[in-house]
């Protein structure tokens, strides 16, 4: 289900190549995307889409992440990546977020490709 209209609207046509650059600059130090990739400070993201929060096997999540109860998809990631601490109060993720809608859309396009191969 796509994000609702208004300020939460995800731009169409995210660019996975640009998203990969954003991932390397802002996410790679804490996350991996490869199947069977190890956890770092943050969990491995392979299989992210369709998974409930706080459910990557072997990662020590906060109670806030485990109990959020949402399933990761384009709409939930788009909102989360804007301000992770606001979306899941109590998360230990220190990333401040991506404020530019196009950057979030590009990153999500990359994550869709890279976490499901």
PDB file of N, CA and C in Angstrom:
ATOM      1  N   UNK A   1       0.845  -1.182   0.000  1.00  0.00           N
ATOM      2  CA  UNK A   1       0.000   0.000   0.000  1.00  0.00           C
ATOM      3  C   UNK A   1       0.886   1.239   0.000  1.00  0.00           C
ATOM      4  N   UNK A   2       0.725   2.131  -0.937  1.00  0.00           N
ATOM      5  CA  UNK A   2       1.573   3.329  -0.988  1.00  0.00           C
ATOM      6  C   UNK A   2       1.238   4.297   0.136  1.00  0.00           C
ATOM      7  N   UNK A   3       2.197   5.147   0.495  1.00  0.00           N
ATOM      8  CA  UNK A   3       1.937   6.143   1.532  1.00  0.00           C
ATOM      9  C   UNK A   3       0.792   7.063   1.141  1.00  0.00           C
ATOM     10  N   UNK A   4       0.123   7.615   2.149  1.00  0.00           N
ATOM     11  CA  UNK A   4      -1.006   8.519   1.893  1.00  0.00           C
ATOM     12  C   UNK A   4      -0.515   9.825   1.284  1.00  0.00           C
ATOM     13  N   UNK A   5      -1.448  10.563   0.703  1.00  0.00           N
ATOM     14  CA  UNK A   5      -1.124  11.845   0.075  1.00  0.00           C
ATOM     15  C   UNK A   5      -0.777  12.895   1.128  1.00  0.00           C
ATOM     16  N   UNK A   6      -0.051  13.917   0.685  1.00  0.00           N
ATOM     17  CA  UNK A   6       0.350  14.987   1.601  1.00  0.00           C
ATOM     18  C   UNK A   6       1.824  14.890   1.904  1.00  0.00           C
ATOM     19  N   UNK A   7       2.226  15.318   3.078  1.00  0.00           N
ATOM     20  CA  UNK A   7       3.643  15.368   3.434  1.00  0.00           C
ATOM     21  C   UNK A   7       4.250  13.979   3.582  1.00  0.00           C
ATOM     22  N   UNK A   8       3.418  12.950   3.748  1.00  0.00           N
ATOM     23  CA  UNK A   8       3.922  11.589   3.879  1.00  0.00           C
ATOM     24  C   UNK A   8       3.960  10.850   2.549  1.00  0.00           C
ATOM     25  N   UNK A   9       3.739  11.566   1.451  1.00  0.00           N
ATOM     26  CA  UNK A   9       3.691  10.930   0.140  1.00  0.00           C
ATOM     27  C   UNK A   9       5.093  10.628  -0.369  1.00  0.00           C
ATOM     28  N   UNK A  10       5.322   9.366  -0.683  1.00  0.00           N
ATOM     29  CA  UNK A  10       6.612   8.975  -1.223  1.00  0.00           C
ATOM     30  C   UNK A  10       6.655   9.304  -2.705  1.00  0.00           C
ATOM     31  N   UNK A  11       7.707  10.018  -3.145  1.00  0.00           N
ATOM     32  CA  UNK A  11       7.831  10.308  -4.580  1.00  0.00           C
ATOM     33  C   UNK A  11       7.912   9.018  -5.392  1.00  0.00           C
ATOM     34  N   UNK A  12       7.357   9.045  -6.578  1.00  0.00           N
ATOM     35  CA  UNK A  12       7.391   7.862  -7.444  1.00  0.00           C
ATOM     36  C   UNK A  12       8.767   7.729  -8.083  1.00  0.00           C
ATOM     37  N   UNK A  13       9.115   6.508  -8.421  1.00  0.00           N
ATOM     38  CA  UNK A  13      10.324   6.276  -9.200  1.00  0.00           C
ATOM     39  C   UNK A  13      11.628   6.479  -8.458  1.00  0.00           C
ATOM     40  N   UNK A  14      11.739   5.889  -7.279  1.00  0.00           N
ATOM     41  CA  UNK A  14      13.017   5.949  -6.577  1.00  0.00           C
ATOM     42  C   UNK A  14      14.127   5.350  -7.425  1.00  0.00           C
ATOM     43  N   UNK A  15      15.312   5.916  -7.331  1.00  0.00           N
ATOM     44  CA  UNK A  15      16.470   5.497  -8.117  1.00  0.00           C
ATOM     45  C   UNK A  15      17.381   4.638  -7.240  1.00  0.00           C
ATOM     46  N   UNK A  16      17.405   3.322  -7.518  1.00  0.00           N
ATOM     47  CA  UNK A  16      18.178   2.389  -6.698  1.00  0.00           C
ATOM     48  C   UNK A  16      19.677   2.696  -6.719  1.00  0.00           C
ATOM     49  N   UNK A  17      20.203   3.164  -7.841  1.00  0.00           N
ATOM     50  CA  UNK A  17      21.634   3.497  -7.917  1.00  0.00           C
ATOM     51  C   UNK A  17      21.965   4.650  -6.968  1.00  0.00           C
ATOM     52  N   UNK A  18      21.108   5.663  -6.943  1.00  0.00           N
ATOM     53  CA  UNK A  18      21.308   6.766  -6.005  1.00  0.00           C
ATOM     54  C   UNK A  18      21.100   6.285  -4.580  1.00  0.00           C
ATOM     55  N   UNK A  19      20.127   5.387  -4.406  1.00  0.00           N
ATOM     56  CA  UNK A  19      19.871   4.826  -3.082  1.00  0.00           C
ATOM     57  C   UNK A  19      21.052   4.046  -2.546  1.00  0.00           C
ATOM     58  N   UNK A  20      21.779   3.351  -3.426  1.00  0.00           N
ATOM     59  CA  UNK A  20      22.963   2.608  -2.991  1.00  0.00           C
ATOM     60  C   UNK A  20      24.011   3.578  -2.443  1.00  0.00           C
ATOM     61  N   UNK A  21      24.185   4.699  -3.115  1.00  0.00           N
ATOM     62  CA  UNK A  21      25.146   5.703  -2.636  1.00  0.00           C
ATOM     63  C   UNK A  21      24.740   6.231  -1.264  1.00  0.00           C
ATOM     64  N   UNK A  22      23.446   6.475  -1.088  1.00  0.00           N
ATOM     65  CA  UNK A  22      22.951   6.947   0.211  1.00  0.00           C
ATOM     66  C   UNK A  22      23.187   5.875   1.269  1.00  0.00           C
ATOM     67  N   UNK A  23      22.912   4.614   0.922  1.00  0.00           N
ATOM     68  CA  UNK A  23      23.129   3.521   1.866  1.00  0.00           C
ATOM     69  C   UNK A  23      24.595   3.457   2.296  1.00  0.00           C
ATOM     70  N   UNK A  24      25.505   3.536   1.340  1.00  0.00           N
ATOM     71  CA  UNK A  24      26.936   3.470   1.651  1.00  0.00           C
ATOM     72  C   UNK A  24      27.342   4.635   2.554  1.00  0.00           C
ATOM     73  N   UNK A  25      26.824   5.828   2.283  1.00  0.00           N
ATOM     74  CA  UNK A  25      27.183   7.012   3.069  1.00  0.00           C
ATOM     75  C   UNK A  25      26.558   7.031   4.454  1.00  0.00           C
ATOM     76  N   UNK A  26      25.308   6.561   4.577  1.00  0.00           N
ATOM     77  CA  UNK A  26      24.572   6.790   5.812  1.00  0.00           C
ATOM     78  C   UNK A  26      24.169   5.531   6.585  1.00  0.00           C
ATOM     79  N   UNK A  27      24.213   4.367   5.954  1.00  0.00           N
ATOM     80  CA  UNK A  27      23.665   3.169   6.597  1.00  0.00           C
ATOM     81  C   UNK A  27      24.665   2.027   6.746  1.00  0.00           C
ATOM     82  N   UNK A  28      25.607   1.948   5.817  1.00  0.00           N
ATOM     83  CA  UNK A  28      26.513   0.806   5.717  1.00  0.00           C
ATOM     84  C   UNK A  28      27.361   0.584   6.962  1.00  0.00           C
ATOM     85  N   UNK A  29      27.658   1.633   7.697  1.00  0.00           N
ATOM     86  CA  UNK A  29      28.480   1.456   8.889  1.00  0.00           C
ATOM     87  C   UNK A  29      27.755   0.650   9.964  1.00  0.00           C
ATOM     88  N   UNK A  30      26.422   0.593   9.913  1.00  0.00           N
ATOM     89  CA  UNK A  30      25.653  -0.119  10.943  1.00  0.00           C
ATOM     90  C   UNK A  30      24.857  -1.319  10.415  1.00  0.00           C
ATOM     91  N   UNK A  31      24.607  -1.387   9.109  1.00  0.00           N
ATOM     92  CA  UNK A  31      23.749  -2.438   8.541  1.00  0.00           C
ATOM     93  C   UNK A  31      24.408  -3.132   7.364  1.00  0.00           C
ATOM     94  N   UNK A  32      24.052  -4.411   7.178  1.00  0.00           N
ATOM     95  CA  UNK A  32      24.404  -5.164   5.979  1.00  0.00           C
ATOM     96  C   UNK A  32      23.097  -5.509   5.267  1.00  0.00           C
ATOM     97  N   UNK A  33      23.179  -5.826   3.974  1.00  0.00           N
ATOM     98  CA  UNK A  33      21.974  -6.162   3.207  1.00  0.00           C
ATOM     99  C   UNK A  33      22.031  -7.552   2.593  1.00  0.00           C
ATOM    100  N   UNK A  34      23.177  -8.220   2.632  1.00  0.00           N
ATOM    101  CA  UNK A  34      23.354  -9.500   1.969  1.00  0.00           C
ATOM    102  C   UNK A  34      22.647 -10.615   2.722  1.00  0.00           C
ATOM    103  N   UNK A  35      22.151 -11.603   1.959  1.00  0.00           N
ATOM    104  CA  UNK A  35      21.585 -12.784   2.599  1.00  0.00           C
ATOM    105  C   UNK A  35      22.667 -13.433   3.449  1.00  0.00           C
ATOM    106  N   UNK A  36      22.336 -13.809   4.659  1.00  0.00           N
ATOM    107  CA  UNK A  36      23.268 -14.383   5.634  1.00  0.00           C
ATOM    108  C   UNK A  36      24.342 -13.401   6.069  1.00  0.00           C
ATOM    109  N   UNK A  37      24.149 -12.114   5.787  1.00  0.00           N
ATOM    110  CA  UNK A  37      25.086 -11.094   6.247  1.00  0.00           C
ATOM    111  C   UNK A  37      24.984 -10.954   7.762  1.00  0.00           C
ATOM    112  N   UNK A  38      26.079 -10.595   8.369  1.00  0.00           N
ATOM    113  CA  UNK A  38      26.088 -10.472   9.817  1.00  0.00           C
ATOM    114  C   UNK A  38      25.435  -9.183  10.289  1.00  0.00           C
ATOM    115  N   UNK A  39      25.117  -9.189  11.556  1.00  0.00           N
ATOM    116  CA  UNK A  39      24.621  -7.966  12.185  1.00  0.00           C
ATOM    117  C   UNK A  39      25.818  -7.091  12.543  1.00  0.00           C
ATOM    118  N   UNK A  40      25.594  -5.821  12.567  1.00  0.00           N
ATOM    119  CA  UNK A  40      26.585  -4.855  13.038  1.00  0.00           C
ATOM    120  C   UNK A  40      25.943  -4.166  14.233  1.00  0.00           C
ATOM    121  N   UNK A  41      26.123  -2.872  14.365  1.00  0.00           N
ATOM    122  CA  UNK A  41      25.421  -2.126  15.411  1.00  0.00           C
ATOM    123  C   UNK A  41      23.921  -2.261  15.198  1.00  0.00           C
ATOM    124  N   UNK A  42      23.505  -2.292  13.922  1.00  0.00           N
ATOM    125  CA  UNK A  42      22.114  -2.521  13.548  1.00  0.00           C
ATOM    126  C   UNK A  42      21.982  -3.891  12.908  1.00  0.00           C
ATOM    127  N   UNK A  43      20.747  -4.350  12.720  1.00  0.00           N
ATOM    128  CA  UNK A  43      20.531  -5.686  12.162  1.00  0.00           C
ATOM    129  C   UNK A  43      20.816  -5.769  10.669  1.00  0.00           C
ATOM    130  N   UNK A  44      21.093  -6.990  10.222  1.00  0.00           N
ATOM    131  CA  UNK A  44      21.147  -7.269   8.800  1.00  0.00           C
ATOM    132  C   UNK A  44      19.752  -7.021   8.239  1.00  0.00           C
ATOM    133  N   UNK A  45      19.670  -6.406   7.065  1.00  0.00           N
ATOM    134  CA  UNK A  45      18.385  -5.995   6.498  1.00  0.00           C
ATOM    135  C   UNK A  45      17.822  -6.949   5.444  1.00  0.00           C
ATOM    136  N   UNK A  46      18.519  -8.048   5.159  1.00  0.00           N
ATOM    137  CA  UNK A  46      18.017  -8.965   4.142  1.00  0.00           C
ATOM    138  C   UNK A  46      16.650  -9.505   4.585  1.00  0.00           C
ATOM    139  N   UNK A  47      15.682  -9.481   3.675  1.00  0.00           N
ATOM    140  CA  UNK A  47      14.336  -9.945   4.000  1.00  0.00           C
ATOM    141  C   UNK A  47      13.505  -8.919   4.758  1.00  0.00           C
ATOM    142  N   UNK A  48      13.948  -7.663   4.734  1.00  0.00           N
ATOM    143  CA  UNK A  48      13.287  -6.601   5.482  1.00  0.00           C
ATOM    144  C   UNK A  48      11.823  -6.411   5.095  1.00  0.00           C
ATOM    145  N   UNK A  49      11.538  -6.371   3.793  1.00  0.00           N
ATOM    146  CA  UNK A  49      10.174  -6.099   3.333  1.00  0.00           C
ATOM    147  C   UNK A  49       9.267  -7.279   3.673  1.00  0.00           C
ATOM    148  N   UNK A  50       8.200  -6.981   4.393  1.00  0.00           N
ATOM    149  CA  UNK A  50       7.270  -8.012   4.820  1.00  0.00           C
ATOM    150  C   UNK A  50       7.568  -8.564   6.204  1.00  0.00           C
ATOM    151  N   UNK A  51       8.646  -8.121   6.821  1.00  0.00           N
ATOM    152  CA  UNK A  51       9.018  -8.585   8.168  1.00  0.00           C
ATOM    153  C   UNK A  51       8.490  -7.597   9.204  1.00  0.00           C
ATOM    154  N   UNK A  52       8.078  -8.097  10.342  1.00  0.00           N
ATOM    155  CA  UNK A  52       7.630  -7.229  11.434  1.00  0.00           C
ATOM    156  C   UNK A  52       8.850  -6.609  12.124  1.00  0.00           C
ATOM    157  N   UNK A  53       8.638  -5.445  12.743  1.00  0.00           N
ATOM    158  CA  UNK A  53       9.717  -4.770  13.469  1.00  0.00           C
ATOM    159  C   UNK A  53      10.260  -5.680  14.565  1.00  0.00           C
ATOM    160  N   UNK A  54      11.576  -5.578  14.758  1.00  0.00           N
ATOM    161  CA  UNK A  54      12.217  -6.311  15.848  1.00  0.00           C
ATOM    162  C   UNK A  54      12.297  -7.803  15.653  1.00  0.00           C
ATOM    163  N   UNK A  55      12.350  -8.292  14.416  1.00  0.00           N
ATOM    164  CA  UNK A  55      12.272  -9.731  14.167  1.00  0.00           C
ATOM    165  C   UNK A  55      13.446 -10.339  13.398  1.00  0.00           C
ATOM    166  N   UNK A  56      14.523  -9.613  13.131  1.00  0.00           N
ATOM    167  CA  UNK A  56      15.658 -10.231  12.440  1.00  0.00           C
ATOM    168  C   UNK A  56      16.315 -11.218  13.404  1.00  0.00           C
ATOM    169  N   UNK A  57      16.377 -12.490  13.038  1.00  0.00           N
ATOM    170  CA  UNK A  57      16.917 -13.505  13.947  1.00  0.00           C
ATOM    171  C   UNK A  57      18.334 -13.175  14.414  1.00  0.00           C
ATOM    172  N   UNK A  58      18.550 -13.285  15.713  1.00  0.00           N
ATOM    173  CA  UNK A  58      19.882 -13.113  16.276  1.00  0.00           C
ATOM    174  C   UNK A  58      20.261 -11.685  16.626  1.00  0.00           C
ATOM    175  N   UNK A  59      19.391 -10.716  16.371  1.00  0.00           N
ATOM    176  CA  UNK A  59      19.723  -9.335  16.721  1.00  0.00           C
ATOM    177  C   UNK A  59      19.020  -8.963  18.020  1.00  0.00           C
ATOM    178  N   UNK A  60      19.729  -8.231  18.887  1.00  0.00           N
ATOM    179  CA  UNK A  60      19.203  -7.823  20.187  1.00  0.00           C
ATOM    180  C   UNK A  60      18.478  -6.480  20.065  1.00  0.00           C
ATOM    181  N   UNK A  61      17.188  -6.536  19.818  1.00  0.00           N
ATOM    182  CA  UNK A  61      16.374  -5.341  19.647  1.00  0.00           C
ATOM    183  C   UNK A  61      15.920  -4.767  20.986  1.00  0.00           C
ATOM    184  N   UNK A  62      15.597  -3.495  20.981  1.00  0.00           N
ATOM    185  CA  UNK A  62      14.952  -2.889  22.144  1.00  0.00           C
ATOM    186  C   UNK A  62      13.510  -3.391  22.218  1.00  0.00           C
ATOM    187  N   UNK A  63      12.917  -3.281  23.381  1.00  0.00           N
ATOM    188  CA  UNK A  63      11.516  -3.650  23.545  1.00  0.00           C
ATOM    189  C   UNK A  63      10.631  -2.789  22.641  1.00  0.00           C
ATOM    190  N   UNK A  64      11.025  -1.517  22.452  1.00  0.00           N
ATOM    191  CA  UNK A  64      10.253  -0.611  21.594  1.00  0.00           C
ATOM    192  C   UNK A  64      10.163  -1.165  20.175  1.00  0.00           C
ATOM    193  N   UNK A  65      11.268  -1.669  19.635  1.00  0.00           N
ATOM    194  CA  UNK A  65      11.255  -2.227  18.283  1.00  0.00           C
ATOM    195  C   UNK A  65      10.440  -3.520  18.234  1.00  0.00           C
ATOM    196  N   UNK A  66      10.602  -4.369  19.234  1.00  0.00           N
ATOM    197  CA  UNK A  66       9.886  -5.640  19.236  1.00  0.00           C
ATOM    198  C   UNK A  66       8.380  -5.437  19.347  1.00  0.00           C
ATOM    199  N   UNK A  67       7.967  -4.434  20.081  1.00  0.00           N
ATOM    200  CA  UNK A  67       6.534  -4.265  20.335  1.00  0.00           C
ATOM    201  C   UNK A  67       5.845  -3.268  19.399  1.00  0.00           C
ATOM    202  N   UNK A  68       6.571  -2.639  18.478  1.00  0.00           N
ATOM    203  CA  UNK A  68       5.951  -1.667  17.564  1.00  0.00           C
ATOM    204  C   UNK A  68       4.820  -2.303  16.760  1.00  0.00           C
ATOM    205  N   UNK A  69       5.054  -3.537  16.314  1.00  0.00           N
ATOM    206  CA  UNK A  69       3.975  -4.287  15.685  1.00  0.00           C
ATOM    207  C   UNK A  69       3.611  -3.908  14.263  1.00  0.00           C
ATOM    208  N   UNK A  70       4.479  -3.220  13.554  1.00  0.00           N
ATOM    209  CA  UNK A  70       4.180  -2.928  12.149  1.00  0.00           C
ATOM    210  C   UNK A  70       5.014  -3.848  11.258  1.00  0.00           C
ATOM    211  N   UNK A  71       4.583  -3.969  10.023  1.00  0.00           N
ATOM    212  CA  UNK A  71       5.312  -4.761   9.043  1.00  0.00           C
ATOM    213  C   UNK A  71       6.019  -3.800   8.099  1.00  0.00           C
ATOM    214  N   UNK A  72       7.309  -4.047   7.860  1.00  0.00           N
ATOM    215  CA  UNK A  72       8.085  -3.163   6.995  1.00  0.00           C
ATOM    216  C   UNK A  72       7.643  -3.276   5.551  1.00  0.00           C
ATOM    217  N   UNK A  73       7.405  -2.129   4.952  1.00  0.00           N
ATOM    218  CA  UNK A  73       7.061  -2.002   3.547  1.00  0.00           C
ATOM    219  C   UNK A  73       7.461  -0.600   3.114  1.00  0.00           C
ATOM    220  N   UNK A  74       7.139  -0.241   1.902  1.00  0.00           N
ATOM    221  CA  UNK A  74       7.523   1.082   1.400  1.00  0.00           C
ATOM    222  C   UNK A  74       6.966   2.200   2.284  1.00  0.00           C
ATOM    223  N   UNK A  75       5.694   2.121   2.619  1.00  0.00           N
ATOM    224  CA  UNK A  75       5.057   3.198   3.387  1.00  0.00           C
ATOM    225  C   UNK A  75       5.633   3.319   4.791  1.00  0.00           C
ATOM    226  N   UNK A  76       5.819   2.188   5.467  1.00  0.00           N
ATOM    227  CA  UNK A  76       6.340   2.246   6.835  1.00  0.00           C
ATOM    228  C   UNK A  76       7.802   2.694   6.844  1.00  0.00           C
ATOM    229  N   UNK A  77       8.595   2.204   5.899  1.00  0.00           N
ATOM    230  CA  UNK A  77       9.995   2.639   5.820  1.00  0.00           C
ATOM    231  C   UNK A  77      10.102   4.124   5.493  1.00  0.00           C
ATOM    232  N   UNK A  78       9.248   4.594   4.612  1.00  0.00           N
ATOM    233  CA  UNK A  78       9.276   6.003   4.234  1.00  0.00           C
ATOM    234  C   UNK A  78       9.048   6.892   5.457  1.00  0.00           C
ATOM    235  N   UNK A  79       8.087   6.537   6.278  1.00  0.00           N
ATOM    236  CA  UNK A  79       7.817   7.301   7.498  1.00  0.00           C
ATOM    237  C   UNK A  79       8.951   7.138   8.506  1.00  0.00           C
ATOM    238  N   UNK A  80       9.408   5.910   8.700  1.00  0.00           N
ATOM    239  CA  UNK A  80      10.472   5.620   9.664  1.00  0.00           C
ATOM    240  C   UNK A  80      11.763   6.357   9.323  1.00  0.00           C
ATOM    241  N   UNK A  81      12.155   6.326   8.066  1.00  0.00           N
ATOM    242  CA  UNK A  81      13.428   6.928   7.659  1.00  0.00           C
ATOM    243  C   UNK A  81      13.431   8.448   7.763  1.00  0.00           C
ATOM    244  N   UNK A  82      12.281   9.053   7.858  1.00  0.00           N
ATOM    245  CA  UNK A  82      12.208  10.493   8.075  1.00  0.00           C
ATOM    246  C   UNK A  82      12.702  10.848   9.472  1.00  0.00           C
ATOM    247  N   UNK A  83      12.323  10.065  10.468  1.00  0.00           N
ATOM    248  CA  UNK A  83      12.699  10.344  11.857  1.00  0.00           C
ATOM    249  C   UNK A  83      12.518   9.065  12.674  1.00  0.00           C
ATOM    250  N   UNK A  84      13.536   8.183  12.687  1.00  0.00           N
ATOM    251  CA  UNK A  84      13.395   6.892  13.363  1.00  0.00           C
ATOM    252  C   UNK A  84      12.983   6.988  14.834  1.00  0.00           C
ATOM    253  N   UNK A  85      13.555   7.917  15.578  1.00  0.00           N
ATOM    254  CA  UNK A  85      13.237   8.017  17.004  1.00  0.00           C
ATOM    255  C   UNK A  85      11.811   8.494  17.260  1.00  0.00           C
ATOM    256  N   UNK A  86      11.245   9.252  16.338  1.00  0.00           N
ATOM    257  CA  UNK A  86       9.846   9.666  16.466  1.00  0.00           C
ATOM    258  C   UNK A  86       8.924   8.509  16.095  1.00  0.00           C
ATOM    259  N   UNK A  87       9.286   7.753  15.068  1.00  0.00           N
ATOM    260  CA  UNK A  87       8.446   6.655  14.597  1.00  0.00           C
ATOM    261  C   UNK A  87       8.431   5.490  15.583  1.00  0.00           C
ATOM    262  N   UNK A  88       9.601   5.189  16.173  1.00  0.00           N
ATOM    263  CA  UNK A  88       9.685   4.144  17.198  1.00  0.00           C
ATOM    264  C   UNK A  88      10.383   4.746  18.422  1.00  0.00           C
ATOM    265  N   UNK A  89       9.635   5.426  19.278  1.00  0.00           N
ATOM    266  CA  UNK A  89      10.233   5.979  20.500  1.00  0.00           C
ATOM    267  C   UNK A  89      10.860   4.846  21.317  1.00  0.00           C
ATOM    268  N   UNK A  90      12.111   5.056  21.714  1.00  0.00           N
ATOM    269  CA  UNK A  90      12.815   4.031  22.478  1.00  0.00           C
ATOM    270  C   UNK A  90      13.752   3.177  21.644  1.00  0.00           C
ATOM    271  N   UNK A  91      13.771   3.380  20.315  1.00  0.00           N
ATOM    272  CA  UNK A  91      14.716   2.628  19.485  1.00  0.00           C
ATOM    273  C   UNK A  91      16.141   3.050  19.837  1.00  0.00           C
ATOM    274  N   UNK A  92      17.080   2.126  19.671  1.00  0.00           N
ATOM    275  CA  UNK A  92      18.476   2.488  19.922  1.00  0.00           C
ATOM    276  C   UNK A  92      19.176   2.985  18.661  1.00  0.00           C
ATOM    277  N   UNK A  93      18.437   3.049  17.553  1.00  0.00           N
ATOM    278  CA  UNK A  93      19.024   3.561  16.312  1.00  0.00           C
ATOM    279  C   UNK A  93      19.304   5.055  16.471  1.00  0.00           C
ATOM    280  N   UNK A  94      20.555   5.445  16.275  1.00  0.00           N
ATOM    281  CA  UNK A  94      20.955   6.831  16.504  1.00  0.00           C
ATOM    282  C   UNK A  94      20.856   7.699  15.248  1.00  0.00           C
ATOM    283  N   UNK A  95      20.527   7.114  14.122  1.00  0.00           N
ATOM    284  CA  UNK A  95      20.413   7.839  12.861  1.00  0.00           C
ATOM    285  C   UNK A  95      19.310   8.886  12.962  1.00  0.00           C
ATOM    286  N   UNK A  96      19.629  10.130  12.590  1.00  0.00           N
ATOM    287  CA  UNK A  96      18.669  11.229  12.707  1.00  0.00           C
ATOM    288  C   UNK A  96      17.572  11.184  11.649  1.00  0.00           C
ATOM    289  N   UNK A  97      17.809  10.505  10.542  1.00  0.00           N
ATOM    290  CA  UNK A  97      16.798  10.388   9.503  1.00  0.00           C
ATOM    291  C   UNK A  97      17.192  11.105   8.225  1.00  0.00           C
ATOM    292  N   UNK A  98      16.422  10.849   7.184  1.00  0.00           N
ATOM    293  CA  UNK A  98      16.589  11.498   5.884  1.00  0.00           C
ATOM    294  C   UNK A  98      15.393  12.421   5.691  1.00  0.00           C
ATOM    295  N   UNK A  99      15.627  13.697   5.662  1.00  0.00           N
ATOM    296  CA  UNK A  99      14.527  14.663   5.561  1.00  0.00           C
ATOM    297  C   UNK A  99      14.052  14.873   4.129  1.00  0.00           C
ATOM    298  N   UNK A 100      14.909  14.630   3.143  1.00  0.00           N
ATOM    299  CA  UNK A 100      14.536  14.849   1.741  1.00  0.00           C
ATOM    300  C   UNK A 100      13.744  13.648   1.219  1.00  0.00           C
ATOM    301  N   UNK A 101      12.489  13.886   0.801  1.00  0.00           N
ATOM    302  CA  UNK A 101      11.645  12.790   0.329  1.00  0.00           C
ATOM    303  C   UNK A 101      12.276  11.959  -0.785  1.00  0.00           C
ATOM    304  N   UNK A 102      12.929  12.597  -1.736  1.00  0.00           N
ATOM    305  CA  UNK A 102      13.535  11.859  -2.861  1.00  0.00           C
ATOM    306  C   UNK A 102      14.649  10.933  -2.375  1.00  0.00           C
ATOM    307  N   UNK A 103      15.431  11.377  -1.400  1.00  0.00           N
ATOM    308  CA  UNK A 103      16.487  10.518  -0.854  1.00  0.00           C
ATOM    309  C   UNK A 103      15.894   9.280  -0.189  1.00  0.00           C
ATOM    310  N   UNK A 104      14.808   9.468   0.547  1.00  0.00           N
ATOM    311  CA  UNK A 104      14.145   8.314   1.166  1.00  0.00           C
ATOM    312  C   UNK A 104      13.619   7.359   0.098  1.00  0.00           C
ATOM    313  N   UNK A 105      13.008   7.895  -0.951  1.00  0.00           N
ATOM    314  CA  UNK A 105      12.489   7.054  -2.034  1.00  0.00           C
ATOM    315  C   UNK A 105      13.621   6.303  -2.730  1.00  0.00           C
ATOM    316  N   UNK A 106      14.742   6.965  -2.956  1.00  0.00           N
ATOM    317  CA  UNK A 106      15.897   6.321  -3.585  1.00  0.00           C
ATOM    318  C   UNK A 106      16.449   5.206  -2.694  1.00  0.00           C
ATOM    319  N   UNK A 107      16.581   5.474  -1.408  1.00  0.00           N
ATOM    320  CA  UNK A 107      17.086   4.466  -0.481  1.00  0.00           C
ATOM    321  C   UNK A 107      16.145   3.267  -0.431  1.00  0.00           C
ATOM    322  N   UNK A 108      14.860   3.505  -0.400  1.00  0.00           N
ATOM    323  CA  UNK A 108      13.891   2.406  -0.367  1.00  0.00           C
ATOM    324  C   UNK A 108      13.973   1.589  -1.654  1.00  0.00           C
ATOM    325  N   UNK A 109      14.150   2.235  -2.805  1.00  0.00           N
ATOM    326  CA  UNK A 109      14.306   1.499  -4.062  1.00  0.00           C
ATOM    327  C   UNK A 109      15.530   0.592  -3.991  1.00  0.00           C
ATOM    328  N   UNK A 110      16.624   1.092  -3.433  1.00  0.00           N
ATOM    329  CA  UNK A 110      17.827   0.269  -3.282  1.00  0.00           C
ATOM    330  C   UNK A 110      17.572  -0.887  -2.319  1.00  0.00           C
ATOM    331  N   UNK A 111      16.941  -0.608  -1.194  1.00  0.00           N
ATOM    332  CA  UNK A 111      16.680  -1.655  -0.209  1.00  0.00           C
ATOM    333  C   UNK A 111      15.767  -2.741  -0.781  1.00  0.00           C
ATOM    334  N   UNK A 112      14.794  -2.359  -1.586  1.00  0.00           N
ATOM    335  CA  UNK A 112      13.912  -3.351  -2.202  1.00  0.00           C
ATOM    336  C   UNK A 112      14.707  -4.313  -3.081  1.00  0.00           C
ATOM    337  N   UNK A 113      15.669  -3.759  -3.815  1.00  0.00           N
ATOM    338  CA  UNK A 113      16.503  -4.600  -4.686  1.00  0.00           C
ATOM    339  C   UNK A 113      17.500  -5.430  -3.886  1.00  0.00           C
ATOM    340  N   UNK A 114      18.203  -4.790  -2.984  1.00  0.00           N
ATOM    341  CA  UNK A 114      19.358  -5.418  -2.338  1.00  0.00           C
ATOM    342  C   UNK A 114      19.011  -6.365  -1.205  1.00  0.00           C
ATOM    343  N   UNK A 115      17.812  -6.272  -0.651  1.00  0.00           N
ATOM    344  CA  UNK A 115      17.472  -7.115   0.487  1.00  0.00           C
ATOM    345  C   UNK A 115      16.605  -8.305   0.100  1.00  0.00           C
ATOM    346  N   UNK A 116      16.445  -8.516  -1.186  1.00  0.00           N
ATOM    347  CA  UNK A 116      15.592  -9.631  -1.616  1.00  0.00           C
ATOM    348  C   UNK A 116      16.229 -10.509  -2.686  1.00  0.00           C
ATOM    349  N   UNK A 117      17.502 -10.300  -2.979  1.00  0.00           N
ATOM    350  CA  UNK A 117      18.183 -11.093  -4.015  1.00  0.00           C
ATOM    351  C   UNK A 117      18.669 -12.409  -3.445  1.00  0.00           C
TER     352      UNK A 117
END
